[in-house]
Amino acid sequence: MANNSDVRYLAPIQIDITKTKYCRFKKAGIKHVDYKNATFLLGLLNEQGKILPRRLTGTSAKYQRKVATAVKRARHLAILPYVADQLK
């Protein structure tokens, strides 16, 4: 007879620990996303320079559109790179 500690599962047990997502722009009261602030925009990009999706950042749809246009403007003015190897 096996103890409970000896029980082995074929698949890992799914434990749902979810953090509550929030829009950092609404929480901080930011109305305008500045394309000239490269350090702030780098927090919304991954290592390759791609814009992180809403499902990962928790940003609302309104501000995600503003972030996308700000990043594209910063890329156009060479403040941010289009493609990068290990940006962070």
N, C-alpha and C. Protein backbone atom coordinates (compact mmCIF):
# COMPACT_ATOMS: atom_id res chain seq x y z
N MET A 1 0.84 -1.17 0.00
CA MET A 1 0.00 0.00 0.00
C MET A 1 0.89 1.24 0.00
N ALA A 2 0.62 2.17 -0.93
CA ALA A 2 1.47 3.34 -1.09
C ALA A 2 0.94 4.51 -0.25
N ASN A 3 1.86 5.29 0.25
CA ASN A 3 1.49 6.50 0.97
C ASN A 3 1.10 7.59 -0.02
N ASN A 4 0.49 8.64 0.48
CA ASN A 4 0.12 9.77 -0.38
C ASN A 4 1.35 10.47 -0.94
N SER A 5 2.47 10.40 -0.24
CA SER A 5 3.68 11.06 -0.73
C SER A 5 4.32 10.28 -1.87
N ASP A 6 3.97 8.98 -2.01
CA ASP A 6 4.54 8.16 -3.05
C ASP A 6 3.73 8.19 -4.35
N VAL A 7 2.63 8.89 -4.36
CA VAL A 7 1.78 8.93 -5.55
C VAL A 7 2.46 9.78 -6.61
N ARG A 8 2.58 9.24 -7.81
CA ARG A 8 3.19 9.96 -8.92
C ARG A 8 2.14 10.15 -10.00
N TYR A 9 2.13 11.32 -10.59
CA TYR A 9 1.17 11.65 -11.64
C TYR A 9 1.89 11.66 -12.97
N LEU A 10 1.17 11.26 -14.03
CA LEU A 10 1.75 11.30 -15.36
C LEU A 10 1.88 12.73 -15.86
N ALA A 11 0.88 13.55 -15.59
CA ALA A 11 0.91 14.95 -15.99
C ALA A 11 1.01 15.80 -14.73
N PRO A 12 1.67 16.94 -14.81
CA PRO A 12 1.76 17.79 -13.62
C PRO A 12 0.39 18.33 -13.22
N ILE A 13 0.21 18.51 -11.93
CA ILE A 13 -1.05 19.03 -11.41
C ILE A 13 -1.14 20.51 -11.74
N GLN A 14 -2.26 20.92 -12.30
CA GLN A 14 -2.47 22.32 -12.66
C GLN A 14 -3.01 23.07 -11.44
N ILE A 15 -2.22 24.02 -10.99
CA ILE A 15 -2.64 24.87 -9.88
C ILE A 15 -2.84 26.26 -10.44
N ASP A 16 -4.05 26.76 -10.31
CA ASP A 16 -4.38 28.06 -10.87
C ASP A 16 -4.04 29.17 -9.89
N ILE A 17 -2.88 29.75 -10.08
CA ILE A 17 -2.48 30.92 -9.29
C ILE A 17 -2.38 32.06 -10.29
N THR A 18 -3.39 32.90 -10.31
CA THR A 18 -3.41 33.99 -11.28
C THR A 18 -3.27 35.31 -10.57
N LYS A 19 -2.40 36.13 -11.10
CA LYS A 19 -2.28 37.49 -10.59
C LYS A 19 -3.36 38.33 -11.24
N THR A 20 -3.86 39.28 -10.52
CA THR A 20 -4.86 40.17 -11.11
C THR A 20 -4.14 41.15 -12.02
N LYS A 21 -4.57 41.19 -13.27
CA LYS A 21 -3.96 42.09 -14.23
C LYS A 21 -4.61 43.46 -14.11
N TYR A 22 -3.82 44.47 -14.30
CA TYR A 22 -4.35 45.83 -14.24
C TYR A 22 -3.64 46.66 -15.30
N CYS A 23 -4.30 47.70 -15.71
CA CYS A 23 -3.71 48.60 -16.69
C CYS A 23 -2.86 49.61 -15.93
N ARG A 24 -1.56 49.60 -16.20
CA ARG A 24 -0.65 50.50 -15.48
C ARG A 24 -0.90 51.95 -15.82
N PHE A 25 -1.47 52.20 -17.01
CA PHE A 25 -1.74 53.57 -17.43
C PHE A 25 -2.94 54.14 -16.67
N LYS A 26 -3.98 53.32 -16.50
CA LYS A 26 -5.15 53.78 -15.73
C LYS A 26 -4.79 53.94 -14.26
N LYS A 27 -3.97 53.03 -13.74
CA LYS A 27 -3.61 53.09 -12.32
C LYS A 27 -2.76 54.32 -12.01
N ALA A 28 -1.85 54.67 -12.93
CA ALA A 28 -0.99 55.83 -12.72
C ALA A 28 -1.62 57.13 -13.20
N GLY A 29 -2.73 57.04 -13.92
CA GLY A 29 -3.39 58.24 -14.42
C GLY A 29 -2.70 58.85 -15.62
N ILE A 30 -2.02 58.04 -16.42
CA ILE A 30 -1.32 58.54 -17.60
C ILE A 30 -2.31 58.69 -18.74
N LYS A 31 -2.37 59.87 -19.33
CA LYS A 31 -3.29 60.13 -20.43
C LYS A 31 -2.61 59.98 -21.78
N HIS A 32 -1.32 60.32 -21.86
CA HIS A 32 -0.60 60.33 -23.12
C HIS A 32 0.65 59.47 -23.00
N VAL A 33 0.87 58.59 -23.97
CA VAL A 33 2.07 57.76 -24.00
C VAL A 33 3.11 58.49 -24.83
N ASP A 34 4.23 58.85 -24.21
CA ASP A 34 5.24 59.65 -24.88
C ASP A 34 6.19 58.75 -25.66
N TYR A 35 6.33 58.99 -26.95
CA TYR A 35 7.19 58.17 -27.79
C TYR A 35 8.67 58.52 -27.59
N LYS A 36 8.96 59.64 -26.93
CA LYS A 36 10.35 60.05 -26.72
C LYS A 36 10.97 59.42 -25.47
N ASN A 37 10.15 58.79 -24.64
CA ASN A 37 10.63 58.15 -23.42
C ASN A 37 10.99 56.70 -23.72
N ALA A 38 12.20 56.47 -24.16
CA ALA A 38 12.62 55.14 -24.61
C ALA A 38 12.72 54.15 -23.46
N THR A 39 13.10 54.59 -22.28
CA THR A 39 13.25 53.66 -21.16
C THR A 39 11.89 53.09 -20.74
N PHE A 40 10.85 53.90 -20.81
CA PHE A 40 9.51 53.41 -20.47
C PHE A 40 9.00 52.45 -21.53
N LEU A 41 9.24 52.78 -22.80
CA LEU A 41 8.76 51.93 -23.89
C LEU A 41 9.51 50.60 -23.94
N LEU A 42 10.75 50.56 -23.47
CA LEU A 42 11.49 49.30 -23.44
C LEU A 42 10.86 48.29 -22.49
N GLY A 43 10.13 48.76 -21.50
CA GLY A 43 9.43 47.85 -20.60
C GLY A 43 8.25 47.16 -21.24
N LEU A 44 7.80 47.67 -22.38
CA LEU A 44 6.67 47.09 -23.09
C LEU A 44 7.12 46.29 -24.31
N LEU A 45 8.42 46.07 -24.45
CA LEU A 45 8.97 45.29 -25.56
C LEU A 45 9.66 44.05 -25.01
N ASN A 46 9.76 43.00 -25.84
CA ASN A 46 10.52 41.82 -25.43
C ASN A 46 11.96 41.94 -25.90
N GLU A 47 12.74 40.86 -25.77
CA GLU A 47 14.16 40.91 -26.09
C GLU A 47 14.43 41.15 -27.56
N GLN A 48 13.51 40.72 -28.42
CA GLN A 48 13.71 40.90 -29.85
C GLN A 48 13.22 42.26 -30.34
N GLY A 49 12.58 43.03 -29.48
CA GLY A 49 12.08 44.34 -29.86
C GLY A 49 10.62 44.32 -30.28
N LYS A 50 9.92 43.22 -30.05
CA LYS A 50 8.51 43.13 -30.41
C LYS A 50 7.65 43.70 -29.28
N ILE A 51 6.50 44.24 -29.64
CA ILE A 51 5.58 44.80 -28.65
C ILE A 51 4.89 43.65 -27.92
N LEU A 52 4.90 43.70 -26.60
CA LEU A 52 4.25 42.65 -25.82
C LEU A 52 2.73 42.77 -25.94
N PRO A 53 2.03 41.64 -26.01
CA PRO A 53 0.57 41.68 -26.16
C PRO A 53 -0.14 42.06 -24.87
N ARG A 54 -1.40 42.40 -25.02
CA ARG A 54 -2.22 42.81 -23.88
C ARG A 54 -2.39 41.71 -22.86
N ARG A 55 -2.47 40.47 -23.32
CA ARG A 55 -2.70 39.37 -22.39
C ARG A 55 -1.53 39.15 -21.44
N LEU A 56 -0.35 39.63 -21.82
CA LEU A 56 0.81 39.53 -20.92
C LEU A 56 0.99 40.76 -20.05
N THR A 57 0.74 41.94 -20.60
CA THR A 57 0.99 43.16 -19.85
C THR A 57 -0.21 43.62 -19.03
N GLY A 58 -1.42 43.25 -19.46
CA GLY A 58 -2.62 43.69 -18.76
C GLY A 58 -3.08 45.07 -19.16
N THR A 59 -2.49 45.63 -20.19
CA THR A 59 -2.85 46.96 -20.66
C THR A 59 -4.22 46.93 -21.32
N SER A 60 -5.01 47.98 -21.12
CA SER A 60 -6.33 48.04 -21.75
C SER A 60 -6.17 48.29 -23.24
N ALA A 61 -7.24 48.05 -24.00
CA ALA A 61 -7.18 48.15 -25.46
C ALA A 61 -6.87 49.58 -25.91
N LYS A 62 -7.44 50.54 -25.22
CA LYS A 62 -7.23 51.95 -25.57
C LYS A 62 -5.75 52.32 -25.47
N TYR A 63 -5.12 51.94 -24.38
CA TYR A 63 -3.72 52.29 -24.17
C TYR A 63 -2.79 51.38 -24.96
N GLN A 64 -3.22 50.16 -25.28
CA GLN A 64 -2.38 49.30 -26.11
C GLN A 64 -2.22 49.90 -27.51
N ARG A 65 -3.29 50.50 -28.03
CA ARG A 65 -3.19 51.18 -29.33
C ARG A 65 -2.25 52.37 -29.25
N LYS A 66 -2.33 53.13 -28.15
CA LYS A 66 -1.43 54.27 -27.97
C LYS A 66 0.02 53.83 -27.83
N VAL A 67 0.24 52.72 -27.14
CA VAL A 67 1.59 52.17 -27.00
C VAL A 67 2.13 51.74 -28.35
N ALA A 68 1.29 51.09 -29.16
CA ALA A 68 1.73 50.63 -30.47
C ALA A 68 2.14 51.79 -31.36
N THR A 69 1.35 52.86 -31.37
CA THR A 69 1.72 54.02 -32.19
C THR A 69 2.96 54.71 -31.65
N ALA A 70 3.11 54.77 -30.32
CA ALA A 70 4.30 55.40 -29.73
C ALA A 70 5.56 54.60 -30.07
N VAL A 71 5.48 53.27 -30.01
CA VAL A 71 6.64 52.44 -30.34
C VAL A 71 6.99 52.59 -31.81
N LYS A 72 5.98 52.62 -32.67
CA LYS A 72 6.23 52.76 -34.10
C LYS A 72 6.84 54.12 -34.43
N ARG A 73 6.41 55.15 -33.75
CA ARG A 73 7.00 56.49 -33.96
C ARG A 73 8.45 56.52 -33.47
N ALA A 74 8.70 55.89 -32.33
CA ALA A 74 10.06 55.87 -31.79
C ALA A 74 10.99 55.06 -32.69
N ARG A 75 10.47 54.00 -33.29
CA ARG A 75 11.28 53.23 -34.23
C ARG A 75 11.58 54.04 -35.48
N HIS A 76 10.59 54.79 -35.95
CA HIS A 76 10.78 55.59 -37.15
C HIS A 76 11.84 56.68 -36.94
N LEU A 77 11.90 57.24 -35.75
CA LEU A 77 12.88 58.28 -35.43
C LEU A 77 14.19 57.72 -34.89
N ALA A 78 14.35 56.41 -34.94
CA ALA A 78 15.56 55.70 -34.50
C ALA A 78 15.83 55.86 -33.01
N ILE A 79 14.79 56.06 -32.22
CA ILE A 79 14.94 56.05 -30.76
C ILE A 79 14.95 54.61 -30.27
N LEU A 80 14.13 53.76 -30.90
CA LEU A 80 14.09 52.33 -30.62
C LEU A 80 14.48 51.57 -31.88
N PRO A 81 15.10 50.41 -31.74
CA PRO A 81 15.43 49.63 -32.93
C PRO A 81 14.22 48.83 -33.42
N TYR A 82 14.19 48.55 -34.71
CA TYR A 82 13.14 47.71 -35.26
C TYR A 82 13.35 46.26 -34.83
N VAL A 83 14.57 45.78 -34.98
CA VAL A 83 14.93 44.41 -34.63
C VAL A 83 16.18 44.48 -33.77
N ALA A 84 16.22 43.67 -32.72
CA ALA A 84 17.39 43.69 -31.84
C ALA A 84 17.72 42.29 -31.36
N ASP A 85 18.98 42.04 -31.10
CA ASP A 85 19.41 40.81 -30.47
C ASP A 85 19.69 41.10 -29.01
N GLN A 86 18.91 40.50 -28.15
CA GLN A 86 19.05 40.68 -26.69
C GLN A 86 19.01 42.15 -26.32
N LEU A 87 17.84 42.76 -26.52
CA LEU A 87 17.65 44.18 -26.27
C LEU A 87 17.83 44.54 -24.81
N LYS A 88 17.39 43.68 -23.92
CA LYS A 88 17.43 44.00 -22.49
C LYS A 88 18.65 43.42 -21.84
